[in-house]
């Protein structure tokens, strides 16, 4: 379920509630597989029971940071994307 988002100057963010019985680890691993399949390279991650965070980059200089936070009934997912100036439209 969408929660909110916005952006300007090559930076965008979004958040959503994910109602699920999956664990933080299961969600993180599924998302990581998707990022890698789309050409992103993981730079760092922290994986905990309640909160996980990871950063990826791509060959054009884009950066994505994702945080999953446990809340009642699922997780709050937050994503921030930064694109290099030459890719901004």
C-alpha atoms as a PDB file:
ATOM      1  CA  UNK A   1       0.000   0.000   0.000  1.00  0.00           C
ATOM      2  CA  UNK A   2       1.536   3.359  -0.979  1.00  0.00           C
ATOM      3  CA  UNK A   3       2.495   5.557   1.907  1.00  0.00           C
ATOM      4  CA  UNK A   4       4.110   8.656   0.392  1.00  0.00           C
ATOM      5  CA  UNK A   5       6.881  10.043  -1.741  1.00  0.00           C
ATOM      6  CA  UNK A   6       8.317  12.937  -3.676  1.00  0.00           C
ATOM      7  CA  UNK A   7      11.435  14.302  -5.282  1.00  0.00           C
ATOM      8  CA  UNK A   8      13.365  16.985  -7.110  1.00  0.00           C
ATOM      9  CA  UNK A   9      16.842  17.692  -8.509  1.00  0.00           C
ATOM     10  CA  UNK A  10      17.551  14.049  -9.303  1.00  0.00           C
ATOM     11  CA  UNK A  11      16.475  12.722  -5.907  1.00  0.00           C
ATOM     12  CA  UNK A  12      13.269  10.786  -5.371  1.00  0.00           C
ATOM     13  CA  UNK A  13      11.872   8.926  -2.399  1.00  0.00           C
ATOM     14  CA  UNK A  14       8.898   6.698  -1.722  1.00  0.00           C
ATOM     15  CA  UNK A  15       7.539   4.645   1.124  1.00  0.00           C
ATOM     16  CA  UNK A  16       4.931   1.905   1.316  1.00  0.00           C
ATOM     17  CA  UNK A  17       3.433  -0.471   3.858  1.00  0.00           C
ATOM     18  CA  UNK A  18       4.045  -4.125   3.018  1.00  0.00           C
ATOM     19  CA  UNK A  19       1.482  -6.332   4.758  1.00  0.00           C
ATOM     20  CA  UNK A  20       3.170  -9.733   4.877  1.00  0.00           C
ATOM     21  CA  UNK A  21       4.007 -12.685   7.057  1.00  0.00           C
ATOM     22  CA  UNK A  22       7.494 -12.875   5.507  1.00  0.00           C
ATOM     23  CA  UNK A  23      10.505 -12.172   7.671  1.00  0.00           C
ATOM     24  CA  UNK A  24      12.758  -9.163   7.229  1.00  0.00           C
ATOM     25  CA  UNK A  25      15.461 -11.472   5.843  1.00  0.00           C
ATOM     26  CA  UNK A  26      13.067 -13.009   3.278  1.00  0.00           C
ATOM     27  CA  UNK A  27      11.935  -9.584   2.039  1.00  0.00           C
ATOM     28  CA  UNK A  28      15.479  -8.252   1.898  1.00  0.00           C
ATOM     29  CA  UNK A  29      16.782 -11.267  -0.036  1.00  0.00           C
ATOM     30  CA  UNK A  30      13.900 -11.116  -2.550  1.00  0.00           C
ATOM     31  CA  UNK A  31      14.445  -7.395  -3.128  1.00  0.00           C
ATOM     32  CA  UNK A  32      18.213  -7.891  -3.457  1.00  0.00           C
ATOM     33  CA  UNK A  33      17.716 -10.514  -6.161  1.00  0.00           C
ATOM     34  CA  UNK A  34      15.493  -8.095  -8.098  1.00  0.00           C
ATOM     35  CA  UNK A  35      18.017  -5.254  -7.821  1.00  0.00           C
ATOM     36  CA  UNK A  36      20.865  -7.454  -9.068  1.00  0.00           C
ATOM     37  CA  UNK A  37      18.739  -8.776 -11.950  1.00  0.00           C
ATOM     38  CA  UNK A  38      18.143  -5.142 -13.014  1.00  0.00           C
ATOM     39  CA  UNK A  39      21.876  -4.334 -13.140  1.00  0.00           C
ATOM     40  CA  UNK A  40      22.406  -2.783  -9.689  1.00  0.00           C
ATOM     41  CA  UNK A  41      25.444  -3.628  -7.548  1.00  0.00           C
ATOM     42  CA  UNK A  42      25.077  -3.884  -3.792  1.00  0.00           C
ATOM     43  CA  UNK A  43      27.503  -1.599  -1.981  1.00  0.00           C
ATOM     44  CA  UNK A  44      26.607  -2.373   1.641  1.00  0.00           C
ATOM     45  CA  UNK A  45      23.830  -3.770   3.800  1.00  0.00           C
ATOM     46  CA  UNK A  46      22.798  -4.243   7.405  1.00  0.00           C
ATOM     47  CA  UNK A  47      20.307  -6.984   8.157  1.00  0.00           C
ATOM     48  CA  UNK A  48      18.479  -7.220  11.480  1.00  0.00           C
ATOM     49  CA  UNK A  49      15.234  -8.706  12.741  1.00  0.00           C
ATOM     50  CA  UNK A  50      13.473  -5.346  13.022  1.00  0.00           C
ATOM     51  CA  UNK A  51      15.352  -3.115  10.546  1.00  0.00           C
ATOM     52  CA  UNK A  52      17.350  -3.739   7.368  1.00  0.00           C
ATOM     53  CA  UNK A  53      19.060  -1.224   5.143  1.00  0.00           C
ATOM     54  CA  UNK A  54      21.020  -1.554   1.923  1.00  0.00           C
ATOM     55  CA  UNK A  55      22.583   0.581  -0.785  1.00  0.00           C
ATOM     56  CA  UNK A  56      23.061  -0.177  -4.476  1.00  0.00           C
ATOM     57  CA  UNK A  57      24.682   1.658  -7.380  1.00  0.00           C
ATOM     58  CA  UNK A  58      24.513   1.302 -11.145  1.00  0.00           C
ATOM     59  CA  UNK A  59      26.967   1.923 -13.986  1.00  0.00           C
ATOM     60  CA  UNK A  60      25.488   5.373 -14.739  1.00  0.00           C
ATOM     61  CA  UNK A  61      26.141   6.632 -11.216  1.00  0.00           C
ATOM     62  CA  UNK A  62      22.665   6.126  -9.786  1.00  0.00           C
ATOM     63  CA  UNK A  63      22.287   5.244  -6.123  1.00  0.00           C
ATOM     64  CA  UNK A  64      19.393   3.499  -4.355  1.00  0.00           C
ATOM     65  CA  UNK A  65      19.032   3.144  -0.576  1.00  0.00           C
ATOM     66  CA  UNK A  66      16.282   0.913   0.843  1.00  0.00           C
ATOM     67  CA  UNK A  67      15.223   0.523   4.466  1.00  0.00           C
ATOM     68  CA  UNK A  68      12.749  -2.070   5.783  1.00  0.00           C
ATOM     69  CA  UNK A  69      11.352  -1.430   9.270  1.00  0.00           C
ATOM     70  CA  UNK A  70       9.116  -3.930  11.097  1.00  0.00           C
ATOM     71  CA  UNK A  71       5.696  -2.541  12.097  1.00  0.00           C
ATOM     72  CA  UNK A  72       2.500  -4.243  13.249  1.00  0.00           C
ATOM     73  CA  UNK A  73       1.281  -6.530  10.465  1.00  0.00           C
ATOM     74  CA  UNK A  74       4.250  -6.137   8.133  1.00  0.00           C
ATOM     75  CA  UNK A  75       6.978  -3.672   7.194  1.00  0.00           C
ATOM     76  CA  UNK A  76       7.400  -0.054   6.237  1.00  0.00           C
ATOM     77  CA  UNK A  77       9.594   0.068   3.132  1.00  0.00           C
ATOM     78  CA  UNK A  78      11.427   3.298   2.270  1.00  0.00           C
ATOM     79  CA  UNK A  79      13.381   3.848  -0.931  1.00  0.00           C
ATOM     80  CA  UNK A  80      15.535   6.820  -1.898  1.00  0.00           C
ATOM     81  CA  UNK A  81      16.949   7.169  -5.419  1.00  0.00           C
ATOM     82  CA  UNK A  82      19.602   9.614  -6.580  1.00  0.00           C
ATOM     83  CA  UNK A  83      20.325   9.967 -10.295  1.00  0.00           C
ATOM     84  CA  UNK A  84      23.331  11.696 -11.817  1.00  0.00           C
ATOM     85  CA  UNK A  85      22.659  15.011 -13.526  1.00  0.00           C
ATOM     86  CA  UNK A  86      23.075  13.654 -17.080  1.00  0.00           C
ATOM     87  CA  UNK A  87      20.181  11.182 -16.530  1.00  0.00           C
ATOM     88  CA  UNK A  88      17.723  13.693 -15.100  1.00  0.00           C
ATOM     89  CA  UNK A  89      14.747  14.502 -17.297  1.00  0.00           C
END
